[in-house]
Each structure stands twice: as structure tokens, then as C-alpha cells.
């Protein structure tokens, strides 16, 4: 296509718009997960808060924040799954400490 054939505003941009929307969704999810992980680490390591209290606090903030930002049910499922993984890892840590 040469410059004479181009007409401003007539190009189909649905693919670019969907790509941008996906990029922004991935950025929102990953940023919020990073904030929750750093918050959990700060509560447990820097302040000495019990790991279960910090986990419940961070999971609550994650669910409420996801609802406020309109992230949907998949976000809530992700927060619940990550919380279950954290409990599993903590149980493994507790078990390994008991065996030493």
C-alpha cells in the first residue's frame, strides 16, 4: 500500500485492541500478585507476624482489591489457590523442622 491509498481511521484495529487489553490485564494481575507477595513477606519476616495471620490478611486484601478493580472470579480463584499453596508450603516447613 502506498501513501496515496491510505485513509486515516479505516484500518481494522480489533487485533491491536485485544492485544493491548490482554497486556494490561496481565500487567494488572502480575503487579497485584507481586504486591501481595511483598506484603506477605514484609509481615512475616520484617514485623514477625504469625504466618497464618499474615496470609489471611493478604488473601483478604487480595480478594477485596480484586473485587474493587473488577478482576472477576478467576482472580478470586487464583488468590485462594495461592493461599492454599502457601499453607501447603508452610506445613512442609513445619514438618521438616519437626523431623530435625
N, C-alpha and C. Protein backbone atom coordinates (compact mmCIF):
# COMPACT_ATOMS: atom_id res chain seq x y z
N UNK A 1 0.85 -1.16 0.00
CA UNK A 1 0.00 0.00 0.00
C UNK A 1 0.90 1.24 0.00
N UNK A 2 0.64 2.14 -0.90
CA UNK A 2 1.41 3.37 -0.91
C UNK A 2 0.65 4.46 -0.14
N UNK A 3 1.27 5.59 0.01
CA UNK A 3 0.71 6.66 0.82
C UNK A 3 -0.59 7.21 0.25
N UNK A 4 -0.76 7.13 -1.05
CA UNK A 4 -1.97 7.66 -1.68
C UNK A 4 -3.19 6.79 -1.36
N UNK A 5 -2.99 5.49 -1.12
CA UNK A 5 -4.10 4.58 -0.85
C UNK A 5 -4.53 4.60 0.62
N UNK A 6 -3.72 5.16 1.50
CA UNK A 6 -4.02 5.15 2.94
C UNK A 6 -5.12 6.15 3.26
N UNK A 7 -6.09 5.72 4.05
CA UNK A 7 -7.16 6.60 4.52
C UNK A 7 -7.21 6.50 6.04
N UNK A 8 -7.00 7.61 6.70
CA UNK A 8 -6.93 7.65 8.16
C UNK A 8 -8.25 7.19 8.78
N UNK A 9 -8.15 6.27 9.76
CA UNK A 9 -9.31 5.83 10.51
C UNK A 9 -10.07 4.66 9.92
N UNK A 10 -9.58 4.07 8.86
CA UNK A 10 -10.30 2.97 8.23
C UNK A 10 -9.67 1.60 8.49
N UNK A 11 -8.59 1.55 9.21
CA UNK A 11 -7.92 0.29 9.48
C UNK A 11 -8.63 -0.46 10.60
N UNK A 12 -8.77 -1.76 10.46
CA UNK A 12 -9.37 -2.58 11.50
C UNK A 12 -8.34 -2.80 12.60
N UNK A 13 -8.63 -2.32 13.79
CA UNK A 13 -7.67 -2.39 14.89
C UNK A 13 -8.15 -3.32 16.00
N UNK A 14 -9.06 -4.23 15.73
CA UNK A 14 -9.57 -5.10 16.78
C UNK A 14 -8.46 -5.99 17.34
N UNK A 15 -7.57 -6.48 16.50
CA UNK A 15 -6.47 -7.33 16.99
C UNK A 15 -5.53 -6.54 17.90
N UNK A 16 -5.20 -5.32 17.51
CA UNK A 16 -4.33 -4.50 18.34
C UNK A 16 -5.02 -4.14 19.65
N UNK A 17 -6.31 -3.85 19.61
CA UNK A 17 -7.04 -3.51 20.83
C UNK A 17 -7.10 -4.70 21.78
N UNK A 18 -7.32 -5.89 21.26
CA UNK A 18 -7.37 -7.08 22.10
C UNK A 18 -5.98 -7.41 22.68
N UNK A 19 -4.93 -7.18 21.90
CA UNK A 19 -3.58 -7.39 22.39
C UNK A 19 -3.28 -6.42 23.53
N UNK A 20 -3.67 -5.16 23.37
CA UNK A 20 -3.45 -4.17 24.43
C UNK A 20 -4.24 -4.53 25.68
N UNK A 21 -5.47 -4.95 25.51
CA UNK A 21 -6.30 -5.34 26.66
C UNK A 21 -5.67 -6.52 27.39
N UNK A 22 -5.19 -7.52 26.66
CA UNK A 22 -4.53 -8.67 27.28
C UNK A 22 -3.26 -8.28 28.01
N UNK A 23 -2.49 -7.39 27.41
CA UNK A 23 -1.26 -6.91 28.05
C UNK A 23 -1.58 -6.18 29.34
N UNK A 24 -2.59 -5.33 29.33
CA UNK A 24 -2.95 -4.57 30.52
C UNK A 24 -3.51 -5.49 31.61
N UNK A 25 -4.26 -6.51 31.23
CA UNK A 25 -4.78 -7.48 32.20
C UNK A 25 -3.64 -8.25 32.84
N UNK A 26 -2.70 -8.72 32.03
CA UNK A 26 -1.54 -9.45 32.57
C UNK A 26 -0.70 -8.56 33.48
N UNK A 27 -0.56 -7.30 33.12
CA UNK A 27 0.19 -6.36 33.95
C UNK A 27 -0.51 -6.13 35.27
N UNK A 28 -1.84 -5.98 35.23
CA UNK A 28 -2.61 -5.76 36.46
C UNK A 28 -2.50 -6.97 37.39
N UNK A 29 -2.69 -8.17 36.84
CA UNK A 29 -2.61 -9.39 37.66
C UNK A 29 -1.22 -9.56 38.26
N UNK A 30 -0.19 -9.46 37.42
CA UNK A 30 1.16 -9.72 37.93
C UNK A 30 1.58 -8.65 38.94
N UNK A 31 1.20 -7.40 38.71
CA UNK A 31 1.54 -6.35 39.66
C UNK A 31 0.87 -6.58 41.01
N UNK A 32 -0.39 -6.98 41.00
CA UNK A 32 -1.12 -7.20 42.24
C UNK A 32 -0.57 -8.42 42.98
N UNK A 33 -0.19 -9.46 42.24
CA UNK A 33 0.42 -10.63 42.88
C UNK A 33 1.76 -10.26 43.52
N UNK A 34 2.55 -9.44 42.84
CA UNK A 34 3.82 -9.01 43.40
C UNK A 34 3.60 -8.20 44.68
N UNK A 35 2.61 -7.31 44.68
CA UNK A 35 2.29 -6.52 45.87
C UNK A 35 1.89 -7.44 47.03
N UNK A 36 1.07 -8.45 46.75
CA UNK A 36 0.64 -9.37 47.80
C UNK A 36 1.80 -10.20 48.34
N UNK A 37 2.68 -10.65 47.47
CA UNK A 37 3.84 -11.45 47.91
C UNK A 37 4.78 -10.60 48.77
N UNK A 38 5.04 -9.37 48.33
CA UNK A 38 5.91 -8.48 49.11
C UNK A 38 5.26 -8.13 50.44
N UNK A 39 3.95 -7.91 50.44
CA UNK A 39 3.25 -7.63 51.69
C UNK A 39 3.32 -8.80 52.65
N UNK A 40 3.12 -10.01 52.12
CA UNK A 40 3.20 -11.21 52.96
C UNK A 40 4.61 -11.37 53.53
N UNK A 41 5.61 -11.20 52.70
CA UNK A 41 6.99 -11.33 53.16
C UNK A 41 7.33 -10.27 54.21
N UNK A 42 6.83 -9.07 54.00
CA UNK A 42 7.09 -7.99 54.96
C UNK A 42 6.44 -8.29 56.30
N UNK A 43 5.19 -8.73 56.26
CA UNK A 43 4.50 -9.03 57.52
C UNK A 43 5.17 -10.16 58.28
N UNK A 44 5.58 -11.22 57.58
CA UNK A 44 6.13 -12.37 58.28
C UNK A 44 7.60 -12.18 58.66
N UNK A 45 8.40 -11.61 57.79
CA UNK A 45 9.83 -11.52 58.06
C UNK A 45 10.22 -10.25 58.79
N UNK A 46 9.68 -9.12 58.40
CA UNK A 46 10.12 -7.85 58.98
C UNK A 46 9.40 -7.53 60.29
N UNK A 47 8.12 -7.85 60.36
CA UNK A 47 7.38 -7.49 61.58
C UNK A 47 7.22 -8.66 62.53
N UNK A 48 7.52 -9.86 62.08
CA UNK A 48 7.41 -11.03 62.94
C UNK A 48 5.98 -11.51 63.15
N UNK A 49 5.08 -11.10 62.28
CA UNK A 49 3.69 -11.53 62.40
C UNK A 49 3.58 -13.02 62.11
N UNK A 50 2.65 -13.69 62.78
CA UNK A 50 2.40 -15.11 62.53
C UNK A 50 2.07 -15.31 61.05
N UNK A 51 2.58 -16.38 60.45
CA UNK A 51 2.41 -16.60 59.02
C UNK A 51 0.94 -16.76 58.64
N UNK A 52 0.15 -17.39 59.50
CA UNK A 52 -1.26 -17.61 59.17
C UNK A 52 -2.05 -16.30 59.22
N UNK A 53 -1.75 -15.46 60.18
CA UNK A 53 -2.42 -14.15 60.26
C UNK A 53 -2.06 -13.30 59.06
N UNK A 54 -0.78 -13.30 58.69
CA UNK A 54 -0.34 -12.53 57.52
C UNK A 54 -0.97 -13.08 56.25
N UNK A 55 -1.11 -14.39 56.16
CA UNK A 55 -1.71 -15.00 54.97
C UNK A 55 -3.19 -14.62 54.84
N UNK A 56 -3.92 -14.70 55.94
CA UNK A 56 -5.34 -14.34 55.92
C UNK A 56 -5.50 -12.85 55.57
N UNK A 57 -4.64 -12.01 56.14
CA UNK A 57 -4.70 -10.58 55.86
C UNK A 57 -4.42 -10.29 54.39
N UNK A 58 -3.37 -10.89 53.85
CA UNK A 58 -3.03 -10.66 52.44
C UNK A 58 -4.07 -11.26 51.49
N UNK A 59 -4.61 -12.43 51.83
CA UNK A 59 -5.65 -13.01 50.99
C UNK A 59 -6.90 -12.15 51.02
N UNK A 60 -7.25 -11.63 52.18
CA UNK A 60 -8.40 -10.73 52.27
C UNK A 60 -8.22 -9.47 51.45
N UNK A 61 -7.04 -8.88 51.55
CA UNK A 61 -6.74 -7.69 50.76
C UNK A 61 -6.77 -8.03 49.27
N UNK A 62 -6.27 -9.22 48.91
CA UNK A 62 -6.27 -9.64 47.51
C UNK A 62 -7.68 -9.82 46.96
N UNK A 63 -8.55 -10.45 47.73
CA UNK A 63 -9.92 -10.67 47.26
C UNK A 63 -10.67 -9.36 47.16
N UNK A 64 -10.60 -8.54 48.22
CA UNK A 64 -11.32 -7.26 48.21
C UNK A 64 -10.77 -6.34 47.12
N UNK A 65 -9.46 -6.27 47.00
CA UNK A 65 -8.86 -5.44 45.97
C UNK A 65 -9.23 -5.91 44.57
N UNK A 66 -9.24 -7.23 44.37
CA UNK A 66 -9.64 -7.76 43.06
C UNK A 66 -11.09 -7.46 42.73
N UNK A 67 -11.95 -7.52 43.74
CA UNK A 67 -13.36 -7.18 43.51
C UNK A 67 -13.51 -5.69 43.19
N UNK A 68 -12.78 -4.84 43.90
CA UNK A 68 -12.86 -3.40 43.64
C UNK A 68 -12.32 -3.04 42.26
N UNK A 69 -11.32 -3.78 41.79
CA UNK A 69 -10.75 -3.50 40.47
C UNK A 69 -11.45 -4.26 39.35
N UNK A 70 -12.48 -5.03 39.68
CA UNK A 70 -13.24 -5.74 38.66
C UNK A 70 -12.46 -6.86 37.99
N UNK A 71 -11.64 -7.58 38.75
CA UNK A 71 -10.80 -8.62 38.17
C UNK A 71 -11.54 -9.94 38.01
N UNK A 72 -12.71 -10.09 38.59
CA UNK A 72 -13.55 -11.26 38.33
C UNK A 72 -13.26 -12.46 39.20
N UNK A 73 -14.00 -13.52 38.92
CA UNK A 73 -13.92 -14.75 39.70
C UNK A 73 -12.62 -15.49 39.52
N UNK A 74 -12.00 -15.37 38.37
CA UNK A 74 -10.72 -16.04 38.14
C UNK A 74 -9.66 -15.49 39.09
N UNK A 75 -9.73 -14.20 39.38
CA UNK A 75 -8.77 -13.62 40.32
C UNK A 75 -8.97 -14.19 41.72
N UNK A 76 -10.23 -14.28 42.15
CA UNK A 76 -10.52 -14.83 43.47
C UNK A 76 -10.03 -16.28 43.56
N UNK A 77 -10.27 -17.06 42.51
CA UNK A 77 -9.78 -18.44 42.49
C UNK A 77 -8.26 -18.48 42.56
N UNK A 78 -7.61 -17.56 41.90
CA UNK A 78 -6.14 -17.51 41.94
C UNK A 78 -5.64 -17.19 43.34
N UNK A 79 -6.28 -16.23 44.00
CA UNK A 79 -5.87 -15.87 45.37
C UNK A 79 -6.08 -17.05 46.31
N UNK A 80 -7.21 -17.73 46.17
CA UNK A 80 -7.48 -18.89 47.02
C UNK A 80 -6.46 -20.00 46.76
N UNK A 81 -6.15 -20.25 45.49
CA UNK A 81 -5.18 -21.29 45.15
C UNK A 81 -3.78 -20.95 45.66
N UNK A 82 -3.39 -19.69 45.53
CA UNK A 82 -2.08 -19.28 46.05
C UNK A 82 -2.03 -19.37 47.57
N UNK A 83 -3.15 -19.08 48.23
CA UNK A 83 -3.21 -19.21 49.68
C UNK A 83 -3.10 -20.67 50.10
N UNK A 84 -3.78 -21.55 49.36
CA UNK A 84 -3.68 -22.99 49.66
C UNK A 84 -2.25 -23.48 49.44
N UNK A 85 -1.60 -22.99 48.40
CA UNK A 85 -0.20 -23.35 48.16
C UNK A 85 0.69 -22.86 49.30
N UNK A 86 0.43 -21.67 49.80
CA UNK A 86 1.21 -21.13 50.92
C UNK A 86 1.03 -21.97 52.18
N UNK A 87 -0.20 -22.42 52.44
CA UNK A 87 -0.45 -23.27 53.60
C UNK A 87 0.28 -24.60 53.44
N UNK A 88 0.25 -25.17 52.24
CA UNK A 88 0.94 -26.43 51.97
C UNK A 88 2.44 -26.29 52.19
N UNK A 89 3.02 -25.21 51.68
CA UNK A 89 4.46 -24.99 51.85
C UNK A 89 4.80 -24.79 53.33
N UNK A 90 3.97 -24.06 54.05
CA UNK A 90 4.23 -23.85 55.47
C UNK A 90 4.12 -25.16 56.25
N UNK A 91 3.18 -26.01 55.88
CA UNK A 91 3.08 -27.31 56.53
C UNK A 91 4.31 -28.16 56.25
N UNK A 92 4.84 -28.09 55.04
CA UNK A 92 6.08 -28.81 54.72
C UNK A 92 7.24 -28.28 55.56
N UNK A 93 7.30 -26.97 55.74
CA UNK A 93 8.36 -26.36 56.55
C UNK A 93 8.23 -26.82 58.00
N UNK A 94 7.02 -26.81 58.52
CA UNK A 94 6.78 -27.24 59.90
C UNK A 94 7.14 -28.71 60.07
N UNK A 95 6.78 -29.53 59.11
CA UNK A 95 7.10 -30.97 59.17
C UNK A 95 8.60 -31.18 59.13
N UNK A 96 9.30 -30.47 58.26
CA UNK A 96 10.75 -30.66 58.17
C UNK A 96 11.44 -30.18 59.46
N UNK A 97 10.93 -29.14 60.08
CA UNK A 97 11.50 -28.69 61.34
C UNK A 97 11.25 -29.68 62.46
N UNK A 98 10.11 -30.35 62.42
CA UNK A 98 9.79 -31.35 63.45
C UNK A 98 10.67 -32.58 63.31
N UNK A 99 11.09 -32.89 62.10
CA UNK A 99 11.91 -34.08 61.87
C UNK A 99 13.39 -33.84 62.18
N UNK A 100 13.79 -32.62 62.36
CA UNK A 100 15.21 -32.33 62.62
C UNK A 100 15.56 -32.50 64.06
